Amino acid sequence: MKALNWIGLTIVILGALNWGLIGFFGFDVITTIFHGSYFWIARVIFALVGVAGLYALTFYGNFFETDELNYARYSRRH
């Protein structure tokens, strides 16, 4: 599971960097690399970034569960 989290987060970060370049400089790295007849690869990459973003939403649940568990453990000790 940790490997899937790492892969998902890496894809989200790369997608965010690409969107940052588009927003600040109007430069899209993915379509620059995969243009012409290879544009379908760019579409697959964009789809993977979207799926990874949806998967990253599940990280919020992990953060809240961890905080609640830590609070419960701390409360029992003190």
Protein backbone atom coordinates (compact mmCIF):
# COMPACT_ATOMS: atom_id res chain seq x y z
CA MET A 1 0.00 0.00 0.00
CA LYS A 2 2.85 2.39 0.73
CA ALA A 3 4.22 1.92 -2.79
CA LEU A 4 0.85 2.83 -4.28
CA ASN A 5 0.71 5.94 -2.07
CA TRP A 6 4.20 6.93 -3.18
CA ILE A 7 3.39 6.43 -6.87
CA GLY A 8 0.11 8.30 -6.58
CA LEU A 9 1.68 11.22 -4.75
CA THR A 10 4.54 11.39 -7.25
CA ILE A 11 2.10 11.56 -10.17
CA VAL A 12 0.07 14.26 -8.41
CA ILE A 13 3.21 16.32 -7.77
CA LEU A 14 4.37 16.01 -11.39
CA GLY A 15 0.90 17.02 -12.57
CA ALA A 16 0.91 20.00 -10.22
CA LEU A 17 4.32 21.10 -11.50
CA ASN A 18 3.05 20.87 -15.08
CA TRP A 19 -0.03 22.96 -14.20
CA GLY A 20 2.21 25.47 -12.46
CA LEU A 21 4.27 25.84 -15.62
CA ILE A 22 1.09 26.28 -17.65
CA GLY A 23 -0.25 28.90 -15.24
CA PHE A 24 2.91 30.93 -14.84
CA PHE A 25 4.58 30.59 -18.22
CA GLY A 26 2.01 29.11 -20.62
CA PHE A 27 4.30 26.12 -21.15
CA ASP A 28 2.86 22.59 -21.10
CA VAL A 29 5.67 20.07 -20.70
CA ILE A 30 3.55 17.01 -21.44
CA THR A 31 2.09 18.22 -24.74
CA THR A 32 5.49 19.59 -25.74
CA ILE A 33 7.06 16.16 -25.30
CA PHE A 34 4.14 14.16 -26.72
CA HIS A 35 2.81 16.20 -29.62
CA GLY A 36 1.63 15.15 -33.06
CA SER A 37 0.93 11.46 -33.45
CA TYR A 38 1.99 10.81 -29.83
CA PHE A 39 -0.67 13.10 -28.36
CA TRP A 40 -2.58 10.03 -27.16
CA ILE A 41 0.27 9.42 -24.69
CA ALA A 42 -0.27 12.93 -23.30
CA ARG A 43 -3.98 12.14 -22.85
CA VAL A 44 -3.10 8.95 -20.97
CA ILE A 45 -0.73 10.90 -18.71
CA PHE A 46 -3.41 13.52 -18.03
CA ALA A 47 -5.87 10.74 -17.18
CA LEU A 48 -3.35 9.14 -14.81
CA VAL A 49 -2.82 12.50 -13.09
CA GLY A 50 -6.59 12.80 -12.64
CA VAL A 51 -6.92 9.29 -11.23
CA ALA A 52 -3.95 9.89 -8.93
CA GLY A 53 -5.59 13.11 -7.74
CA LEU A 54 -8.76 11.22 -6.88
CA TYR A 55 -6.70 8.59 -5.09
CA ALA A 56 -4.85 11.33 -3.17
CA LEU A 57 -8.18 12.43 -1.70
CA THR A 58 -8.11 9.23 0.35
CA PHE A 59 -4.99 10.54 2.11
CA TYR A 60 -7.23 12.91 4.08
CA GLY A 61 -8.94 9.95 5.70
CA ASN A 62 -5.56 8.56 6.73
CA PHE A 63 -4.57 11.87 8.35
CA PHE A 64 -7.77 12.09 10.37
CA GLU A 65 -7.58 8.47 11.51
CA THR A 66 -3.98 8.96 12.62
CA ASP A 67 -4.85 12.11 14.58
CA GLU A 68 -7.80 10.40 16.28
CA LEU A 69 -5.71 7.35 17.18
CA ASN A 70 -2.90 9.49 18.57
CA TYR A 71 -5.39 11.53 20.61
CA ALA A 72 -7.01 8.37 21.99
CA ARG A 73 -3.64 6.91 22.96
CA TYR A 74 -2.52 10.14 24.59
CA SER A 75 -5.82 10.49 26.47
CA ARG A 76 -5.57 7.01 27.97
CA ARG A 77 -2.07 7.62 29.27
CA HIS A 78 -2.75 10.98 30.90
